[in-house]
Amino acid sequence: MYHYDPSTALEELTEDATLPNPVHIRDMILRKHPSTDKALELNRLFVEYQKCFGETQKLGKEILRQLVESLSLNRNSI
């Protein structure tokens, strides 16, 4: 499980194109105990990642919702 191993998470991202949950990213950062400067830099990147992750989830949900809706309309018209 990649949840606490950044190397495995990166490998899985490359292979499967799945993004790790922001909670797991945050845990990885905390477990590495970065220096103060590095922690600030990582936190800025994390906040942006979290924002983009949420926006991507919304888009994905909307696409799936519309697909389900169109499938049910197609079934009803047959």
Protein backbone atom coordinates (compact mmCIF):
# COMPACT_ATOMS: atom_id res chain seq x y z
CA MET A 1 0.00 0.00 0.00
CA TYR A 2 1.47 3.35 -1.05
CA HIS A 3 -0.25 5.47 1.60
CA TYR A 4 2.95 6.02 3.54
CA ASP A 5 5.61 5.38 0.91
CA PRO A 6 6.20 8.27 -1.50
CA SER A 7 8.36 6.13 -3.82
CA THR A 8 5.59 3.55 -4.27
CA ALA A 9 3.00 6.31 -4.72
CA LEU A 10 5.10 7.89 -7.46
CA GLU A 11 5.57 4.52 -9.15
CA GLU A 12 1.82 3.79 -9.02
CA LEU A 13 1.04 7.27 -10.34
CA THR A 14 3.33 6.63 -13.30
CA GLU A 15 1.88 3.18 -13.98
CA ASP A 16 -1.82 3.68 -13.24
CA ALA A 17 -2.26 7.43 -13.61
CA THR A 18 -4.17 7.53 -10.32
CA LEU A 19 -3.66 10.43 -7.95
CA PRO A 20 -3.06 9.75 -4.27
CA ASN A 21 -5.66 11.13 -1.90
CA PRO A 22 -4.52 14.46 -0.38
CA VAL A 23 -4.81 12.95 3.11
CA HIS A 24 -2.17 10.38 2.17
CA ILE A 25 0.09 13.05 0.66
CA ARG A 26 -0.14 15.07 3.87
CA ASP A 27 0.70 11.98 5.93
CA MET A 28 3.74 11.28 3.73
CA ILE A 29 4.98 14.84 4.27
CA LEU A 30 4.51 14.61 8.03
CA ARG A 31 6.25 11.23 8.27
CA LYS A 32 9.36 12.56 6.49
CA HIS A 33 9.85 15.35 9.09
CA PRO A 34 11.13 17.94 6.57
CA SER A 35 13.11 20.98 7.65
CA THR A 36 11.11 24.15 8.31
CA ASP A 37 11.95 25.67 4.91
CA LYS A 38 11.17 22.45 3.07
CA ALA A 39 7.95 22.00 5.07
CA LEU A 40 6.77 25.47 4.02
CA GLU A 41 7.57 24.73 0.38
CA LEU A 42 5.84 21.35 0.51
CA ASN A 43 2.83 22.86 2.27
CA ARG A 44 2.40 25.46 -0.49
CA LEU A 45 2.54 22.70 -3.11
CA PHE A 46 0.18 20.55 -1.03
CA VAL A 47 -2.45 23.30 -0.79
CA GLU A 48 -2.38 23.69 -4.58
CA TYR A 49 -2.55 19.89 -5.02
CA GLN A 50 -5.52 19.68 -2.66
CA LYS A 51 -7.34 22.45 -4.53
CA CYS A 52 -6.73 20.86 -7.93
CA PHE A 53 -7.63 17.39 -6.61
CA GLY A 54 -10.99 18.70 -5.37
CA GLU A 55 -11.69 20.46 -8.67
CA THR A 56 -10.78 17.32 -10.62
CA GLN A 57 -13.09 15.23 -8.43
CA LYS A 58 -15.96 17.64 -9.13
CA LEU A 59 -15.33 17.44 -12.87
CA GLY A 60 -15.11 13.66 -12.76
CA LYS A 61 -18.35 13.39 -10.79
CA GLU A 62 -20.13 15.67 -13.25
CA ILE A 63 -18.92 13.67 -16.24
CA LEU A 64 -20.00 10.41 -14.61
CA ARG A 65 -23.36 11.90 -13.55
CA GLN A 66 -24.07 12.98 -17.12
CA LEU A 67 -23.02 9.59 -18.48
CA VAL A 68 -25.33 7.78 -16.06
CA GLU A 69 -28.12 10.19 -16.94
CA SER A 70 -27.66 9.66 -20.69
CA LEU A 71 -27.51 5.89 -20.24
CA SER A 72 -30.79 5.87 -18.34
CA LEU A 73 -32.39 8.09 -21.00
CA ASN A 74 -31.18 5.72 -23.74
CA ARG A 75 -32.64 2.72 -21.93
CA ASN A 76 -35.99 4.44 -21.47
CA SER A 77 -36.21 5.30 -25.17
CA ILE A 78 -35.70 1.71 -26.30
